[in-house]
Amino acid sequence: MLRALSRGTLPARALPVRARRRRRVVLAAIVLAGVLLIVVLVTSLAGSGNSGVTTVDGNASAVLYAAGHRPLAPEFTGTTLTGSKLSFSSYRGKVVVLNFWGSWCVPCREEAPILAAVAAKYQPSVVSFLGVDVRDTTASALAFTHSFHVAYPSVSDQSSAITLDFTAKVPIAGTPTTLVVDRTGHIAGAVFGTVTYPGLTAIVAKVTAEGG
């Protein structure tokens, strides 16, 4: 044991602990970097006089886009986690909450009960909810939806193709990201990062109050 320690090595039993600690530090650094990038992007948009972007209750990660400054949401087709074909164009004329998530995403687990609660408040007559499951396996994603009682559908985006199309419209820096699409198919609001119940309902209430 002494010879092993003098050579700068650790007992085999200690290695997994060190590795887990290192992974947690790396993960925390990645999450922090993503959050900082989101804040910088959104703050720069909101700070631009002609951007048409306003923050929600002073939260830089939750924004509303003014009419005339709303990006058109890309059209896409995909396969749901239960194997059905889905076209985003079928949602035109409805307000849609579009959530980008993954079962591997820790913040997605934190916000899942909030999304389920907001969906229960507005569905099905007022707002439609749709998930985009990013870089995931169907089995893990289905287990996630069952665990958190997510009743609305999600399309699989294993290649991130759908996510990349939306990134060309709004600054999606990672998951979770939640967009609110108005009845004309334009992105009217966004939450970059974990949603809060007050923040998301404020955006949804604003968009649903608009005329068709």
N, C-alpha and C. Protein backbone atom coordinates (compact mmCIF):
# COMPACT_ATOMS: atom_id res chain seq x y z
N MET A 1 0.83 -1.20 0.00
CA MET A 1 0.00 0.00 0.00
C MET A 1 0.86 1.24 0.00
N LEU A 2 1.93 1.26 0.87
CA LEU A 2 2.79 2.43 0.94
C LEU A 2 3.53 2.62 -0.37
N ARG A 3 3.97 1.50 -0.98
CA ARG A 3 4.67 1.64 -2.25
C ARG A 3 3.74 2.19 -3.32
N ALA A 4 2.48 1.74 -3.29
CA ALA A 4 1.52 2.22 -4.29
C ALA A 4 1.28 3.70 -4.13
N LEU A 5 1.12 4.18 -2.90
CA LEU A 5 0.87 5.60 -2.67
C LEU A 5 2.10 6.42 -3.02
N SER A 6 3.29 5.88 -2.76
CA SER A 6 4.49 6.65 -3.08
C SER A 6 4.67 6.84 -4.57
N ARG A 7 4.08 5.92 -5.38
CA ARG A 7 4.17 6.08 -6.83
C ARG A 7 3.07 6.98 -7.36
N GLY A 8 2.25 7.56 -6.47
CA GLY A 8 1.21 8.49 -6.91
C GLY A 8 -0.04 7.81 -7.39
N THR A 9 -0.25 6.55 -7.07
CA THR A 9 -1.46 5.85 -7.48
C THR A 9 -2.39 5.71 -6.30
N LEU A 10 -3.63 5.34 -6.58
CA LEU A 10 -4.63 5.16 -5.54
C LEU A 10 -5.06 3.71 -5.51
N PRO A 11 -5.50 3.23 -4.35
CA PRO A 11 -6.08 1.89 -4.30
C PRO A 11 -7.23 1.78 -5.28
N ALA A 12 -7.46 0.59 -5.83
CA ALA A 12 -8.50 0.39 -6.85
C ALA A 12 -9.86 0.84 -6.34
N ARG A 13 -10.13 0.66 -5.03
CA ARG A 13 -11.43 1.01 -4.47
C ARG A 13 -11.68 2.51 -4.50
N ALA A 14 -10.60 3.32 -4.50
CA ALA A 14 -10.75 4.78 -4.45
C ALA A 14 -10.95 5.38 -5.82
N LEU A 15 -10.57 4.65 -6.88
CA LEU A 15 -10.63 5.24 -8.23
C LEU A 15 -12.04 5.61 -8.65
N PRO A 16 -13.07 4.74 -8.46
CA PRO A 16 -14.42 5.15 -8.88
C PRO A 16 -14.90 6.42 -8.20
N VAL A 17 -14.56 6.62 -6.94
CA VAL A 17 -14.98 7.83 -6.23
C VAL A 17 -14.35 9.05 -6.87
N ARG A 18 -13.03 8.97 -7.14
CA ARG A 18 -12.35 10.10 -7.79
C ARG A 18 -12.96 10.37 -9.17
N ALA A 19 -13.25 9.31 -9.92
CA ALA A 19 -13.81 9.48 -11.26
C ALA A 19 -15.18 10.12 -11.20
N ARG A 20 -16.01 9.68 -10.21
CA ARG A 20 -17.35 10.28 -10.09
C ARG A 20 -17.26 11.75 -9.75
N ARG A 21 -16.34 12.10 -8.85
CA ARG A 21 -16.19 13.51 -8.49
C ARG A 21 -15.75 14.33 -9.69
N ARG A 22 -14.83 13.78 -10.49
CA ARG A 22 -14.35 14.50 -11.66
C ARG A 22 -15.48 14.71 -12.66
N ARG A 23 -16.33 13.66 -12.86
CA ARG A 23 -17.44 13.80 -13.80
C ARG A 23 -18.43 14.85 -13.33
N ARG A 24 -18.67 14.89 -12.00
CA ARG A 24 -19.60 15.90 -11.48
C ARG A 24 -19.06 17.31 -11.70
N VAL A 25 -17.76 17.50 -11.51
CA VAL A 25 -17.15 18.82 -11.72
C VAL A 25 -17.24 19.22 -13.18
N VAL A 26 -16.93 18.27 -14.08
CA VAL A 26 -17.00 18.56 -15.51
C VAL A 26 -18.43 18.89 -15.93
N LEU A 27 -19.41 18.09 -15.43
CA LEU A 27 -20.81 18.35 -15.77
C LEU A 27 -21.26 19.71 -15.28
N ALA A 28 -20.88 20.06 -14.05
CA ALA A 28 -21.25 21.37 -13.51
C ALA A 28 -20.66 22.49 -14.35
N ALA A 29 -19.42 22.32 -14.80
CA ALA A 29 -18.77 23.34 -15.62
C ALA A 29 -19.48 23.50 -16.96
N ILE A 30 -19.90 22.37 -17.55
CA ILE A 30 -20.61 22.43 -18.83
C ILE A 30 -21.94 23.13 -18.67
N VAL A 31 -22.68 22.76 -17.61
CA VAL A 31 -23.99 23.40 -17.38
C VAL A 31 -23.83 24.89 -17.15
N LEU A 32 -22.83 25.29 -16.34
CA LEU A 32 -22.61 26.70 -16.06
C LEU A 32 -22.25 27.45 -17.33
N ALA A 33 -21.40 26.85 -18.16
CA ALA A 33 -21.02 27.50 -19.41
C ALA A 33 -22.23 27.70 -20.32
N GLY A 34 -23.11 26.68 -20.36
CA GLY A 34 -24.31 26.80 -21.16
C GLY A 34 -25.24 27.89 -20.67
N VAL A 35 -25.40 27.96 -19.36
CA VAL A 35 -26.26 29.00 -18.76
C VAL A 35 -25.70 30.39 -19.06
N LEU A 36 -24.39 30.55 -18.90
CA LEU A 36 -23.78 31.85 -19.17
C LEU A 36 -23.94 32.25 -20.63
N LEU A 37 -23.77 31.27 -21.53
CA LEU A 37 -23.94 31.57 -22.95
C LEU A 37 -25.36 32.01 -23.25
N ILE A 38 -26.33 31.33 -22.66
CA ILE A 38 -27.73 31.69 -22.86
C ILE A 38 -28.00 33.11 -22.38
N VAL A 39 -27.51 33.42 -21.18
CA VAL A 39 -27.74 34.76 -20.61
C VAL A 39 -27.12 35.83 -21.50
N VAL A 40 -25.91 35.58 -21.99
CA VAL A 40 -25.24 36.56 -22.86
C VAL A 40 -26.03 36.76 -24.15
N LEU A 41 -26.47 35.65 -24.76
CA LEU A 41 -27.22 35.75 -26.00
C LEU A 41 -28.53 36.49 -25.82
N VAL A 42 -29.28 36.10 -24.78
CA VAL A 42 -30.58 36.71 -24.57
C VAL A 42 -30.46 38.16 -24.15
N THR A 43 -29.50 38.45 -23.28
CA THR A 43 -29.30 39.83 -22.84
C THR A 43 -28.92 40.72 -24.01
N SER A 44 -28.09 40.22 -24.90
CA SER A 44 -27.70 41.02 -26.06
C SER A 44 -28.88 41.27 -26.98
N LEU A 45 -29.77 40.26 -27.10
CA LEU A 45 -30.97 40.46 -27.91
C LEU A 45 -31.90 41.48 -27.28
N ALA A 46 -32.15 41.32 -25.98
CA ALA A 46 -33.07 42.22 -25.29
C ALA A 46 -32.51 43.63 -25.21
N GLY A 47 -31.19 43.75 -25.19
CA GLY A 47 -30.58 45.07 -25.08
C GLY A 47 -30.53 45.83 -26.38
N SER A 48 -30.82 45.15 -27.47
CA SER A 48 -30.83 45.81 -28.76
C SER A 48 -32.12 46.59 -28.93
N GLY A 49 -32.02 47.86 -29.24
CA GLY A 49 -33.19 48.72 -29.28
C GLY A 49 -34.24 48.30 -30.26
N ASN A 50 -33.86 47.67 -31.38
CA ASN A 50 -34.79 47.30 -32.41
C ASN A 50 -35.05 45.79 -32.44
N SER A 51 -34.66 45.08 -31.40
CA SER A 51 -34.76 43.62 -31.44
C SER A 51 -36.18 43.12 -31.26
N GLY A 52 -37.02 43.90 -30.59
CA GLY A 52 -38.38 43.45 -30.33
C GLY A 52 -38.44 42.33 -29.30
N VAL A 53 -37.40 42.22 -28.47
CA VAL A 53 -37.34 41.17 -27.45
C VAL A 53 -37.41 41.81 -26.07
N THR A 54 -38.31 41.29 -25.22
CA THR A 54 -38.39 41.77 -23.84
C THR A 54 -38.29 40.57 -22.90
N THR A 55 -37.71 40.80 -21.73
CA THR A 55 -37.61 39.73 -20.75
C THR A 55 -38.91 39.63 -19.95
N VAL A 56 -39.12 38.50 -19.32
CA VAL A 56 -40.32 38.25 -18.53
C VAL A 56 -39.96 38.38 -17.06
N ASP A 57 -40.56 39.36 -16.40
CA ASP A 57 -40.33 39.60 -14.97
C ASP A 57 -38.85 39.73 -14.63
N GLY A 58 -38.09 40.35 -15.52
CA GLY A 58 -36.68 40.58 -15.27
C GLY A 58 -35.80 39.35 -15.40
N ASN A 59 -36.37 38.24 -15.84
CA ASN A 59 -35.60 37.01 -16.00
C ASN A 59 -35.01 36.98 -17.41
N ALA A 60 -33.68 37.07 -17.51
CA ALA A 60 -33.03 37.17 -18.81
C ALA A 60 -33.15 35.91 -19.64
N SER A 61 -33.50 34.78 -19.02
CA SER A 61 -33.61 33.53 -19.77
C SER A 61 -35.03 33.26 -20.27
N ALA A 62 -35.98 34.15 -19.93
CA ALA A 62 -37.35 34.02 -20.40
C ALA A 62 -37.73 35.28 -21.16
N VAL A 63 -38.09 35.12 -22.44
CA VAL A 63 -38.30 36.30 -23.27
C VAL A 63 -39.60 36.21 -24.07
N LEU A 64 -40.08 37.37 -24.46
CA LEU A 64 -41.21 37.50 -25.38
C LEU A 64 -40.73 38.24 -26.62
N TYR A 65 -41.18 37.80 -27.79
CA TYR A 65 -40.87 38.46 -29.04
C TYR A 65 -42.09 39.28 -29.47
N ALA A 66 -41.88 40.54 -29.78
CA ALA A 66 -42.97 41.41 -30.19
C ALA A 66 -43.47 41.02 -31.58
N ALA A 67 -44.74 41.31 -31.83
CA ALA A 67 -45.30 41.06 -33.16
C ALA A 67 -44.46 41.80 -34.20
N GLY A 68 -44.17 41.14 -35.29
CA GLY A 68 -43.33 41.73 -36.31
C GLY A 68 -41.86 41.38 -36.14
N HIS A 69 -41.50 40.82 -34.98
CA HIS A 69 -40.12 40.43 -34.69
C HIS A 69 -40.04 38.95 -34.34
N ARG A 70 -41.06 38.21 -34.71
CA ARG A 70 -41.12 36.80 -34.33
C ARG A 70 -40.61 35.91 -35.47
N PRO A 71 -39.62 35.07 -35.19
CA PRO A 71 -39.13 34.15 -36.22
C PRO A 71 -40.19 33.11 -36.57
N LEU A 72 -40.24 32.74 -37.83
CA LEU A 72 -41.16 31.69 -38.25
C LEU A 72 -40.59 30.33 -37.82
N ALA A 73 -41.38 29.57 -37.11
CA ALA A 73 -40.92 28.26 -36.65
C ALA A 73 -40.74 27.33 -37.85
N PRO A 74 -39.62 26.61 -37.91
CA PRO A 74 -39.40 25.68 -39.03
C PRO A 74 -40.43 24.55 -39.02
N GLU A 75 -40.81 24.12 -40.20
CA GLU A 75 -41.68 22.95 -40.30
C GLU A 75 -40.83 21.69 -40.14
N PHE A 76 -41.42 20.66 -39.58
CA PHE A 76 -40.72 19.39 -39.48
C PHE A 76 -41.72 18.25 -39.37
N THR A 77 -41.28 17.09 -39.74
CA THR A 77 -42.04 15.87 -39.52
C THR A 77 -41.15 14.92 -38.73
N GLY A 78 -41.76 14.05 -37.97
CA GLY A 78 -40.98 13.12 -37.17
C GLY A 78 -41.82 11.97 -36.69
N THR A 79 -41.18 11.10 -35.94
CA THR A 79 -41.84 9.93 -35.37
C THR A 79 -41.91 10.10 -33.86
N THR A 80 -43.09 9.92 -33.31
CA THR A 80 -43.25 10.07 -31.87
C THR A 80 -42.62 8.88 -31.15
N LEU A 81 -42.50 9.01 -29.85
CA LEU A 81 -41.90 7.95 -29.05
C LEU A 81 -42.73 6.66 -29.09
N THR A 82 -44.01 6.79 -29.44
CA THR A 82 -44.87 5.61 -29.54
C THR A 82 -44.99 5.09 -30.97
N GLY A 83 -44.21 5.70 -31.90
CA GLY A 83 -44.14 5.17 -33.26
C GLY A 83 -45.07 5.80 -34.27
N SER A 84 -45.79 6.86 -33.91
CA SER A 84 -46.70 7.52 -34.84
C SER A 84 -45.98 8.63 -35.61
N LYS A 85 -46.41 8.88 -36.82
CA LYS A 85 -45.86 9.98 -37.61
C LYS A 85 -46.54 11.28 -37.19
N LEU A 86 -45.77 12.34 -37.12
CA LEU A 86 -46.31 13.64 -36.68
C LEU A 86 -45.72 14.75 -37.55
N SER A 87 -46.59 15.65 -37.97
CA SER A 87 -46.16 16.82 -38.74
C SER A 87 -46.47 18.08 -37.95
N PHE A 88 -45.48 18.94 -37.80
CA PHE A 88 -45.68 20.16 -37.03
C PHE A 88 -46.70 21.08 -37.70
N SER A 89 -46.85 20.96 -39.01
CA SER A 89 -47.81 21.80 -39.73
C SER A 89 -49.25 21.54 -39.26
N SER A 90 -49.50 20.38 -38.69
CA SER A 90 -50.85 20.07 -38.22
C SER A 90 -51.24 20.90 -37.00
N TYR A 91 -50.26 21.58 -36.39
CA TYR A 91 -50.52 22.41 -35.22
C TYR A 91 -50.82 23.87 -35.60
N ARG A 92 -50.73 24.19 -36.88
CA ARG A 92 -50.97 25.58 -37.29
C ARG A 92 -52.38 26.01 -36.91
N GLY A 93 -52.50 27.22 -36.39
CA GLY A 93 -53.78 27.73 -35.90
C GLY A 93 -53.94 27.55 -34.40
N LYS A 94 -52.95 26.87 -33.77
CA LYS A 94 -52.98 26.65 -32.33
C LYS A 94 -51.75 27.30 -31.69
N VAL A 95 -51.88 27.64 -30.42
CA VAL A 95 -50.70 28.03 -29.63
C VAL A 95 -50.02 26.73 -29.19
N VAL A 96 -48.71 26.65 -29.39
CA VAL A 96 -47.98 25.41 -29.10
C VAL A 96 -46.82 25.70 -28.15
N VAL A 97 -46.71 24.91 -27.10
CA VAL A 97 -45.53 24.92 -26.24
C VAL A 97 -44.63 23.78 -26.70
N LEU A 98 -43.45 24.13 -27.19
CA LEU A 98 -42.53 23.16 -27.78
C LEU A 98 -41.31 23.05 -26.88
N ASN A 99 -41.15 21.88 -26.26
CA ASN A 99 -40.08 21.68 -25.27
C ASN A 99 -39.00 20.75 -25.82
N PHE A 100 -37.75 21.23 -25.82
CA PHE A 100 -36.60 20.43 -26.23
C PHE A 100 -35.98 19.81 -24.98
N TRP A 101 -35.89 18.47 -24.95
CA TRP A 101 -35.50 17.80 -23.72
C TRP A 101 -34.77 16.50 -24.03
N GLY A 102 -34.27 15.86 -23.00
CA GLY A 102 -33.68 14.54 -23.11
C GLY A 102 -33.72 13.86 -21.75
N SER A 103 -33.86 12.56 -21.74
CA SER A 103 -33.92 11.85 -20.46
C SER A 103 -32.59 11.91 -19.72
N TRP A 104 -31.50 12.19 -20.44
CA TRP A 104 -30.16 12.29 -19.87
C TRP A 104 -29.90 13.66 -19.25
N CYS A 105 -30.83 14.58 -19.43
CA CYS A 105 -30.65 15.99 -19.03
C CYS A 105 -31.21 16.20 -17.63
N VAL A 106 -30.32 16.49 -16.66
CA VAL A 106 -30.75 16.67 -15.27
C VAL A 106 -31.74 17.82 -15.11
N PRO A 107 -31.49 19.01 -15.69
CA PRO A 107 -32.49 20.09 -15.56
C PRO A 107 -33.84 19.72 -16.17
N CYS A 108 -33.83 18.85 -17.20
CA CYS A 108 -35.11 18.42 -17.78
C CYS A 108 -35.94 17.65 -16.77
N ARG A 109 -35.28 16.89 -15.91
CA ARG A 109 -35.99 16.17 -14.86
C ARG A 109 -36.57 17.14 -13.84
N GLU A 110 -35.85 18.23 -13.59
CA GLU A 110 -36.33 19.21 -12.62
C GLU A 110 -37.56 19.95 -13.13
N GLU A 111 -37.62 20.20 -14.44
CA GLU A 111 -38.72 20.98 -14.96
C GLU A 111 -39.91 20.14 -15.43
N ALA A 112 -39.73 18.83 -15.56
CA ALA A 112 -40.80 17.97 -16.07
C ALA A 112 -42.10 18.10 -15.29
N PRO A 113 -42.09 18.12 -13.96
CA PRO A 113 -43.36 18.29 -13.23
C PRO A 113 -44.01 19.64 -13.50
N ILE A 114 -43.19 20.67 -13.74
CA ILE A 114 -43.74 22.00 -14.03
C ILE A 114 -44.44 22.00 -15.38
N LEU A 115 -43.79 21.41 -16.38
CA LEU A 115 -44.40 21.34 -17.70
C LEU A 115 -45.69 20.53 -17.67
N ALA A 116 -45.67 19.43 -16.91
CA ALA A 116 -46.88 18.62 -16.80
C ALA A 116 -48.01 19.41 -16.16
N ALA A 117 -47.68 20.24 -15.15
CA ALA A 117 -48.70 21.04 -14.47
C ALA A 117 -49.26 22.12 -15.39
N VAL A 118 -48.38 22.78 -16.15
CA VAL A 118 -48.84 23.82 -17.07
C VAL A 118 -49.68 23.19 -18.19
N ALA A 119 -49.26 22.03 -18.67
CA ALA A 119 -50.02 21.34 -19.71
C ALA A 119 -51.41 20.97 -19.20
N ALA A 120 -51.49 20.51 -17.96
CA ALA A 120 -52.79 20.15 -17.39
C ALA A 120 -53.68 21.38 -17.25
N LYS A 121 -53.07 22.53 -17.02
CA LYS A 121 -53.83 23.77 -16.86
C LYS A 121 -54.45 24.23 -18.18
N TYR A 122 -53.71 24.06 -19.29
CA TYR A 122 -54.15 24.64 -20.56
C TYR A 122 -54.70 23.63 -21.56
N GLN A 123 -54.28 22.39 -21.47
CA GLN A 123 -54.75 21.43 -22.46
C GLN A 123 -56.18 21.00 -22.15
N PRO A 124 -56.92 20.49 -23.17
CA PRO A 124 -56.50 20.45 -24.56
C PRO A 124 -57.08 21.58 -25.40
N SER A 125 -57.96 22.39 -24.81
CA SER A 125 -58.73 23.33 -25.62
C SER A 125 -57.98 24.59 -25.98
N VAL A 126 -56.99 24.99 -25.17
CA VAL A 126 -56.36 26.29 -25.37
C VAL A 126 -54.97 26.18 -26.00
N VAL A 127 -54.15 25.31 -25.46
CA VAL A 127 -52.75 25.21 -25.88
C VAL A 127 -52.38 23.75 -26.12
N SER A 128 -51.60 23.51 -27.17
CA SER A 128 -51.06 22.19 -27.43
C SER A 128 -49.61 22.12 -26.95
N PHE A 129 -49.24 20.99 -26.38
CA PHE A 129 -47.87 20.78 -25.92
C PHE A 129 -47.22 19.68 -26.76
N LEU A 130 -45.96 19.89 -27.09
CA LEU A 130 -45.22 18.93 -27.90
C LEU A 130 -43.76 18.92 -27.47
N GLY A 131 -43.18 17.75 -27.31
CA GLY A 131 -41.78 17.63 -26.94
C GLY A 131 -40.92 17.26 -28.13
N VAL A 132 -39.66 17.67 -28.08
CA VAL A 132 -38.65 17.22 -29.04
C VAL A 132 -37.57 16.54 -28.21
N ASP A 133 -37.50 15.22 -28.32
CA ASP A 133 -36.57 14.42 -27.52
C ASP A 133 -35.23 14.33 -28.24
N VAL A 134 -34.20 14.97 -27.65
CA VAL A 134 -32.93 15.18 -28.35
C VAL A 134 -31.89 14.13 -27.94
N ARG A 135 -31.26 13.51 -28.94
CA ARG A 135 -30.12 12.58 -28.75
C ARG A 135 -30.41 11.57 -27.64
N ASP A 136 -31.50 10.84 -27.80
CA ASP A 136 -31.96 9.95 -26.75
C ASP A 136 -32.30 8.59 -27.34
N THR A 137 -32.51 7.62 -26.49
CA THR A 137 -33.04 6.33 -26.92
C THR A 137 -34.52 6.29 -26.59
N THR A 138 -35.26 5.57 -27.40
CA THR A 138 -36.71 5.51 -27.20
C THR A 138 -37.05 4.92 -25.84
N ALA A 139 -36.34 3.89 -25.44
CA ALA A 139 -36.62 3.25 -24.15
C ALA A 139 -36.42 4.21 -22.99
N SER A 140 -35.31 4.94 -23.00
CA SER A 140 -35.03 5.89 -21.91
C SER A 140 -36.04 7.03 -21.92
N ALA A 141 -36.39 7.50 -23.11
CA ALA A 141 -37.34 8.61 -23.21
C ALA A 141 -38.73 8.20 -22.72
N LEU A 142 -39.17 7.01 -23.09
CA LEU A 142 -40.48 6.53 -22.63
C LEU A 142 -40.50 6.34 -21.12
N ALA A 143 -39.41 5.83 -20.58
CA ALA A 143 -39.33 5.68 -19.12
C ALA A 143 -39.43 7.04 -18.44
N PHE A 144 -38.80 8.05 -19.04
CA PHE A 144 -38.86 9.41 -18.51
C PHE A 144 -40.30 9.92 -18.50
N THR A 145 -40.98 9.81 -19.63
CA THR A 145 -42.35 10.33 -19.73
C THR A 145 -43.29 9.60 -18.77
N HIS A 146 -43.09 8.31 -18.60
CA HIS A 146 -43.93 7.56 -17.67
C HIS A 146 -43.64 7.97 -16.23
N SER A 147 -42.37 8.17 -15.92
CA SER A 147 -41.97 8.52 -14.56
C SER A 147 -42.53 9.87 -14.13
N PHE A 148 -42.55 10.84 -15.08
CA PHE A 148 -42.99 12.19 -14.75
C PHE A 148 -44.41 12.49 -15.24
N HIS A 149 -45.11 11.46 -15.69
CA HIS A 149 -46.52 11.59 -16.09
C HIS A 149 -46.69 12.65 -17.18
N VAL A 150 -45.81 12.61 -18.16
CA VAL A 150 -45.90 13.53 -19.31
C VAL A 150 -46.88 12.93 -20.30
N ALA A 151 -48.02 13.57 -20.46
CA ALA A 151 -49.10 13.00 -21.27
C ALA A 151 -49.03 13.43 -22.74
N TYR A 152 -48.39 14.54 -23.03
CA TYR A 152 -48.36 15.03 -24.41
C TYR A 152 -47.26 14.30 -25.20
N PRO A 153 -47.36 14.30 -26.55
CA PRO A 153 -46.41 13.54 -27.35
C PRO A 153 -45.06 14.23 -27.48
N SER A 154 -44.05 13.43 -27.82
CA SER A 154 -42.73 13.94 -28.16
C SER A 154 -42.25 13.24 -29.43
N VAL A 155 -41.57 13.98 -30.29
CA VAL A 155 -40.95 13.39 -31.47
C VAL A 155 -39.48 13.13 -31.17
N SER A 156 -38.95 12.08 -31.74
CA SER A 156 -37.55 11.72 -31.54
C SER A 156 -36.67 12.57 -32.45
N ASP A 157 -35.60 13.13 -31.88
CA ASP A 157 -34.64 13.94 -32.64
C ASP A 157 -33.23 13.43 -32.34
N GLN A 158 -32.98 12.16 -32.66
CA GLN A 158 -31.71 11.54 -32.33
C GLN A 158 -30.53 12.21 -33.03
N SER A 159 -30.76 12.73 -34.23
CA SER A 159 -29.68 13.37 -34.99
C SER A 159 -29.55 14.85 -34.70
N SER A 160 -30.45 15.41 -33.90
CA SER A 160 -30.51 16.85 -33.58
C SER A 160 -30.87 17.70 -34.79
N ALA A 161 -31.41 17.11 -35.85
CA ALA A 161 -31.74 17.86 -37.06
C ALA A 161 -32.83 18.90 -36.78
N ILE A 162 -33.87 18.52 -36.03
CA ILE A 162 -34.95 19.46 -35.71
C ILE A 162 -34.40 20.59 -34.85
N THR A 163 -33.61 20.22 -33.85
CA THR A 163 -33.04 21.22 -32.95
C THR A 163 -32.18 22.22 -33.71
N LEU A 164 -31.37 21.74 -34.64
CA LEU A 164 -30.50 22.63 -35.42
C LEU A 164 -31.31 23.58 -36.29
N ASP A 165 -32.42 23.10 -36.85
CA ASP A 165 -33.28 23.99 -37.65
C ASP A 165 -33.83 25.13 -36.80
N PHE A 166 -34.22 24.82 -35.57
CA PHE A 166 -34.74 25.86 -34.68
C PHE A 166 -33.62 26.77 -34.18
N THR A 167 -32.42 26.23 -34.02
CA THR A 167 -31.29 27.03 -33.56
C THR A 167 -30.97 28.14 -34.55
N ALA A 168 -31.29 27.93 -35.81
CA ALA A 168 -31.08 28.97 -36.83
C ALA A 168 -32.06 30.13 -36.64
N LYS A 169 -33.11 29.92 -35.84
CA LYS A 169 -34.13 30.95 -35.62
C LYS A 169 -33.99 31.63 -34.26
N VAL A 170 -33.69 30.84 -33.23
CA VAL A 170 -33.54 31.36 -31.86
C VAL A 170 -32.29 30.74 -31.25
N PRO A 171 -31.68 31.39 -30.24
CA PRO A 171 -30.40 30.91 -29.71
C PRO A 171 -30.55 29.73 -28.76
N ILE A 172 -30.86 28.54 -29.31
CA ILE A 172 -30.93 27.34 -28.48
C ILE A 172 -29.50 26.88 -28.21
N ALA A 173 -29.06 27.01 -26.97
CA ALA A 173 -27.69 26.63 -26.62
C ALA A 173 -27.64 25.26 -25.96
N GLY A 174 -28.78 24.62 -25.75
CA GLY A 174 -28.79 23.31 -25.13
C GLY A 174 -30.17 22.98 -24.61
N THR A 175 -30.28 21.84 -23.95
CA THR A 175 -31.54 21.43 -23.34
C THR A 175 -31.45 21.66 -21.84
N PRO A 176 -32.58 22.00 -21.22
CA PRO A 176 -33.88 22.20 -21.84
C PRO A 176 -34.02 23.60 -22.44
N THR A 177 -34.81 23.67 -23.49
CA THR A 177 -35.26 24.94 -24.06
C THR A 177 -36.74 24.78 -24.39
N THR A 178 -37.53 25.80 -24.08
CA THR A 178 -38.97 25.73 -24.33
C THR A 178 -39.40 26.95 -25.14
N LEU A 179 -40.06 26.69 -26.25
CA LEU A 179 -40.55 27.77 -27.12
C LEU A 179 -42.08 27.80 -27.09
N VAL A 180 -42.63 29.00 -27.21
CA VAL A 180 -44.08 29.16 -27.33
C VAL A 180 -44.35 29.72 -28.71
N VAL A 181 -45.06 28.95 -29.52
CA VAL A 181 -45.35 29.30 -30.91
C VAL A 181 -46.78 29.81 -31.02
N ASP A 182 -46.95 30.96 -31.68
CA ASP A 182 -48.29 31.54 -31.76
C ASP A 182 -49.14 30.85 -32.84
N ARG A 183 -50.36 31.33 -33.01
CA ARG A 183 -51.30 30.66 -33.91
C ARG A 183 -50.91 30.77 -35.38
N THR A 184 -50.05 31.71 -35.70
CA THR A 184 -49.60 31.86 -37.09
C THR A 184 -48.33 31.08 -37.38
N GLY A 185 -47.84 30.35 -36.38
CA GLY A 185 -46.64 29.55 -36.58
C GLY A 185 -45.34 30.27 -36.31
N HIS A 186 -45.40 31.44 -35.65
CA HIS A 186 -44.21 32.20 -35.32
C HIS A 186 -43.83 32.00 -33.84
N ILE A 187 -42.54 32.03 -33.57
CA ILE A 187 -42.05 31.86 -32.20
C ILE A 187 -42.29 33.16 -31.44
N ALA A 188 -43.17 33.11 -30.45
CA ALA A 188 -43.59 34.31 -29.72
C ALA A 188 -42.89 34.45 -28.39
N GLY A 189 -42.35 33.37 -27.85
CA GLY A 189 -41.69 33.43 -26.56
C GLY A 189 -40.77 32.24 -26.38
N ALA A 190 -39.86 32.36 -25.42
CA ALA A 190 -38.90 31.28 -25.20
C ALA A 190 -38.40 31.30 -23.76
N VAL A 191 -38.09 30.13 -23.27
CA VAL A 191 -37.40 29.97 -21.98
C VAL A 191 -36.13 29.18 -22.27
N PHE A 192 -34.98 29.80 -22.09
CA PHE A 192 -33.71 29.15 -22.34
C PHE A 192 -33.18 28.61 -21.01
N GLY A 193 -33.35 27.31 -20.82
CA GLY A 193 -33.01 26.71 -19.54
C GLY A 193 -34.27 26.17 -18.89
N THR A 194 -34.19 25.90 -17.60
CA THR A 194 -35.30 25.30 -16.87
C THR A 194 -36.47 26.27 -16.73
N VAL A 195 -37.67 25.82 -17.06
CA VAL A 195 -38.84 26.69 -16.93
C VAL A 195 -39.22 26.83 -15.47
N THR A 196 -39.88 27.94 -15.17
CA THR A 196 -40.57 28.10 -13.89
C THR A 196 -42.06 28.21 -14.19
N TYR A 197 -42.87 27.84 -13.25
CA TYR A 197 -44.32 27.91 -13.46
C TYR A 197 -44.77 29.34 -13.74
N PRO A 198 -44.35 30.34 -12.94
CA PRO A 198 -44.78 31.72 -13.23
C PRO A 198 -44.28 32.22 -14.58
N GLY A 199 -43.02 31.91 -14.91
CA GLY A 199 -42.45 32.40 -16.15
C GLY A 199 -43.14 31.83 -17.37
N LEU A 200 -43.34 30.52 -17.39
CA LEU A 200 -43.96 29.89 -18.56
C LEU A 200 -45.42 30.28 -18.68
N THR A 201 -46.16 30.29 -17.58
CA THR A 201 -47.58 30.67 -17.66
C THR A 201 -47.75 32.12 -18.07
N ALA A 202 -46.80 32.98 -17.70
CA ALA A 202 -46.87 34.40 -18.12
C ALA A 202 -46.74 34.50 -19.64
N ILE A 203 -45.82 33.74 -20.22
CA ILE A 203 -45.65 33.77 -21.67
C ILE A 203 -46.87 33.18 -22.37
N VAL A 204 -47.33 32.03 -21.88
CA VAL A 204 -48.48 31.38 -22.50
C VAL A 204 -49.72 32.27 -22.41
N ALA A 205 -49.94 32.89 -21.27
CA ALA A 205 -51.10 33.77 -21.11
C ALA A 205 -51.06 34.93 -22.09
N LYS A 206 -49.87 35.51 -22.28
CA LYS A 206 -49.72 36.62 -23.21
C LYS A 206 -50.05 36.19 -24.64
N VAL A 207 -49.53 35.05 -25.05
CA VAL A 207 -49.71 34.61 -26.43
C VAL A 207 -51.13 34.13 -26.67
N THR A 208 -51.73 33.44 -25.71
CA THR A 208 -53.10 32.96 -25.92
C THR A 208 -54.11 34.11 -25.92
N ALA A 209 -53.75 35.23 -25.29
CA ALA A 209 -54.65 36.38 -25.25
C ALA A 209 -54.71 37.12 -26.58
N GLU A 210 -53.77 36.83 -27.46
CA GLU A 210 -53.74 37.51 -28.76
C GLU A 210 -54.82 36.96 -29.67
N GLY A 211 -55.29 37.78 -30.56
CA GLY A 211 -56.29 37.34 -31.52
C GLY A 211 -55.71 36.36 -32.52
N GLY A 212 -56.55 35.54 -33.07
CA GLY A 212 -56.09 34.56 -34.06
C GLY A 212 -55.76 35.21 -35.35
